[in-house]
Amino acid sequence: MNFYLFLATVPNFEEGQRIARILVESKLAACVNIIKDIFSLYKWKGKIEEDNEYLLLIKTVEEKSDLLIRKINEIHSYETPECIGFKIEKGSEKYLNWIKEVVK
């Protein structure tokens, strides 16, 4: 089984908490960490933008990845939300088994 860590940014803590709750309650993610006060600089619609955002660290399994991406696109307030995933190459077997059990 393949495990994934997804990154997604949100404009505020409340939206991050709402998205995290939906993902965990629907078993699309085992855990979501919310990191506050990140600074983002990016190009959007031809202009350089700067924002303070929150970063979601979302842990899941490959089988739930496509559904997770669709759900984030559906419930996120951004027109084009960030949602990028990385395969977890190594990890505590006990923790990875926990992820698998939670999203089952």
C-alpha atoms as a PDB file:
ATOM      1  CA  MET A   1       0.000   0.000   0.000  1.00  0.00           C
ATOM      2  CA  ASN A   2       1.246   3.491  -0.874  1.00  0.00           C
ATOM      3  CA  PHE A   3       0.917   6.379   1.566  1.00  0.00           C
ATOM      4  CA  TYR A   4       0.779  10.060   0.633  1.00  0.00           C
ATOM      5  CA  LEU A   5       1.344  13.456   2.191  1.00  0.00           C
ATOM      6  CA  PHE A   6      -0.669  16.227   0.545  1.00  0.00           C
ATOM      7  CA  LEU A   7      -0.051  19.952   0.935  1.00  0.00           C
ATOM      8  CA  ALA A   8      -2.809  22.526   0.655  1.00  0.00           C
ATOM      9  CA  THR A   9      -2.864  26.189   1.612  1.00  0.00           C
ATOM     10  CA  VAL A  10      -5.883  28.015   3.013  1.00  0.00           C
ATOM     11  CA  PRO A  11      -6.523  31.698   3.751  1.00  0.00           C
ATOM     12  CA  ASN A  12      -7.330  31.301   7.457  1.00  0.00           C
ATOM     13  CA  PHE A  13      -7.468  28.873  10.357  1.00  0.00           C
ATOM     14  CA  GLU A  14     -11.257  28.489  10.240  1.00  0.00           C
ATOM     15  CA  GLU A  15     -11.234  27.290   6.641  1.00  0.00           C
ATOM     16  CA  GLY A  16      -8.327  24.966   7.371  1.00  0.00           C
ATOM     17  CA  GLN A  17     -10.169  23.497  10.331  1.00  0.00           C
ATOM     18  CA  ARG A  18     -13.368  23.080   8.284  1.00  0.00           C
ATOM     19  CA  ILE A  19     -11.554  21.322   5.431  1.00  0.00           C
ATOM     20  CA  ALA A  20      -9.553  19.145   7.840  1.00  0.00           C
ATOM     21  CA  ARG A  21     -12.717  18.039   9.636  1.00  0.00           C
ATOM     22  CA  ILE A  22     -14.483  17.162   6.371  1.00  0.00           C
ATOM     23  CA  LEU A  23     -11.483  15.148   5.130  1.00  0.00           C
ATOM     24  CA  VAL A  24     -11.085  13.184   8.368  1.00  0.00           C
ATOM     25  CA  GLU A  25     -14.818  12.613   8.927  1.00  0.00           C
ATOM     26  CA  SER A  26     -15.230  11.325   5.366  1.00  0.00           C
ATOM     27  CA  LYS A  27     -12.188   9.029   5.783  1.00  0.00           C
ATOM     28  CA  LEU A  28     -10.285  10.715   2.966  1.00  0.00           C
ATOM     29  CA  ALA A  29      -7.480  11.535   5.420  1.00  0.00           C
ATOM     30  CA  ALA A  30      -6.270   9.983   8.658  1.00  0.00           C
ATOM     31  CA  CYS A  31      -4.829  13.236   9.976  1.00  0.00           C
ATOM     32  CA  VAL A  32      -4.506  16.882   8.967  1.00  0.00           C
ATOM     33  CA  ASN A  33      -1.998  19.207  10.623  1.00  0.00           C
ATOM     34  CA  ILE A  34      -2.553  22.942  10.304  1.00  0.00           C
ATOM     35  CA  ILE A  35       0.564  25.096  10.281  1.00  0.00           C
ATOM     36  CA  LYS A  36      -0.136  28.769  10.857  1.00  0.00           C
ATOM     37  CA  ASP A  37       1.516  31.921   9.666  1.00  0.00           C
ATOM     38  CA  ILE A  38       3.203  30.940   6.443  1.00  0.00           C
ATOM     39  CA  PHE A  39       4.067  33.635   3.920  1.00  0.00           C
ATOM     40  CA  SER A  40       3.207  32.957   0.280  1.00  0.00           C
ATOM     41  CA  LEU A  41       4.452  34.925  -2.724  1.00  0.00           C
ATOM     42  CA  TYR A  42       3.006  33.851  -6.066  1.00  0.00           C
ATOM     43  CA  LYS A  43       1.905  35.046  -9.488  1.00  0.00           C
ATOM     44  CA  TRP A  44      -1.864  35.158  -9.985  1.00  0.00           C
ATOM     45  CA  LYS A  45      -3.663  36.586 -13.014  1.00  0.00           C
ATOM     46  CA  GLY A  46      -0.559  38.432 -14.171  1.00  0.00           C
ATOM     47  CA  LYS A  47       0.296  40.049 -10.838  1.00  0.00           C
ATOM     48  CA  ILE A  48       2.694  39.180  -8.039  1.00  0.00           C
ATOM     49  CA  GLU A  49       0.640  38.519  -4.892  1.00  0.00           C
ATOM     50  CA  GLU A  50       1.717  38.189  -1.248  1.00  0.00           C
ATOM     51  CA  ASP A  51      -0.424  36.569   1.434  1.00  0.00           C
ATOM     52  CA  ASN A  52      -0.283  35.110   4.889  1.00  0.00           C
ATOM     53  CA  GLU A  53      -1.796  31.641   4.745  1.00  0.00           C
ATOM     54  CA  TYR A  54      -2.086  28.393   6.658  1.00  0.00           C
ATOM     55  CA  LEU A  55      -0.641  25.109   5.400  1.00  0.00           C
ATOM     56  CA  LEU A  56      -2.483  21.796   5.683  1.00  0.00           C
ATOM     57  CA  LEU A  57      -0.409  18.609   5.911  1.00  0.00           C
ATOM     58  CA  ILE A  58      -2.789  15.826   4.932  1.00  0.00           C
ATOM     59  CA  LYS A  59      -1.939  12.133   5.427  1.00  0.00           C
ATOM     60  CA  THR A  60      -3.757   9.502   3.372  1.00  0.00           C
ATOM     61  CA  VAL A  61      -3.365   6.447   1.149  1.00  0.00           C
ATOM     62  CA  GLU A  62      -3.038   6.369  -2.629  1.00  0.00           C
ATOM     63  CA  GLU A  63      -6.491   4.824  -3.069  1.00  0.00           C
ATOM     64  CA  LYS A  64      -8.089   7.949  -1.540  1.00  0.00           C
ATOM     65  CA  SER A  65      -5.896  10.480  -3.383  1.00  0.00           C
ATOM     66  CA  ASP A  66      -8.152  11.280  -6.349  1.00  0.00           C
ATOM     67  CA  LEU A  67     -11.211  11.616  -4.106  1.00  0.00           C
ATOM     68  CA  LEU A  68      -9.261  13.863  -1.737  1.00  0.00           C
ATOM     69  CA  ILE A  69      -8.188  16.161  -4.587  1.00  0.00           C
ATOM     70  CA  ARG A  70     -11.763  16.372  -5.888  1.00  0.00           C
ATOM     71  CA  LYS A  71     -13.143  17.111  -2.418  1.00  0.00           C
ATOM     72  CA  ILE A  72     -10.628  19.897  -1.794  1.00  0.00           C
ATOM     73  CA  ASN A  73     -11.452  21.469  -5.166  1.00  0.00           C
ATOM     74  CA  GLU A  74     -15.146  21.232  -4.291  1.00  0.00           C
ATOM     75  CA  ILE A  75     -15.062  22.748  -0.780  1.00  0.00           C
ATOM     76  CA  HIS A  76     -12.112  25.186  -0.920  1.00  0.00           C
ATOM     77  CA  SER A  77     -12.735  28.932  -1.208  1.00  0.00           C
ATOM     78  CA  TYR A  78      -9.849  29.490  -3.653  1.00  0.00           C
ATOM     79  CA  GLU A  79     -10.567  29.455  -7.378  1.00  0.00           C
ATOM     80  CA  THR A  80      -7.509  27.224  -7.891  1.00  0.00           C
ATOM     81  CA  PRO A  81      -6.603  25.595  -4.579  1.00  0.00           C
ATOM     82  CA  GLU A  82      -3.177  24.105  -4.042  1.00  0.00           C
ATOM     83  CA  CYS A  83      -3.376  20.360  -3.584  1.00  0.00           C
ATOM     84  CA  ILE A  84      -0.174  18.485  -4.301  1.00  0.00           C
ATOM     85  CA  GLY A  85       0.769  15.046  -3.058  1.00  0.00           C
ATOM     86  CA  PHE A  86       4.041  13.312  -2.340  1.00  0.00           C
ATOM     87  CA  LYS A  87       4.508   9.595  -1.911  1.00  0.00           C
ATOM     88  CA  ILE A  88       5.783   8.743   1.552  1.00  0.00           C
ATOM     89  CA  GLU A  89       8.881   6.636   0.917  1.00  0.00           C
ATOM     90  CA  LYS A  90       9.573   5.700   4.540  1.00  0.00           C
ATOM     91  CA  GLY A  91       7.825   5.948   7.850  1.00  0.00           C
ATOM     92  CA  SER A  92       7.098   4.298  11.140  1.00  0.00           C
ATOM     93  CA  GLU A  93       5.318   1.039  10.339  1.00  0.00           C
ATOM     94  CA  LYS A  94       3.037   1.574  13.319  1.00  0.00           C
ATOM     95  CA  TYR A  95       2.031   5.065  12.092  1.00  0.00           C
ATOM     96  CA  LEU A  96       1.524   3.972   8.487  1.00  0.00           C
ATOM     97  CA  ASN A  97      -0.648   1.070   9.653  1.00  0.00           C
ATOM     98  CA  TRP A  98      -2.674   3.557  11.686  1.00  0.00           C
ATOM     99  CA  ILE A  99      -3.265   5.703   8.566  1.00  0.00           C
ATOM    100  CA  LYS A 100      -4.392   2.611   6.671  1.00  0.00           C
ATOM    101  CA  GLU A 101      -6.839   1.609   9.410  1.00  0.00           C
ATOM    102  CA  VAL A 102      -8.335   5.089   9.836  1.00  0.00           C
ATOM    103  CA  VAL A 103      -9.132   5.655   6.152  1.00  0.00           C
ATOM    104  CA  LYS A 104     -10.411   2.111   5.595  1.00  0.00           C
END
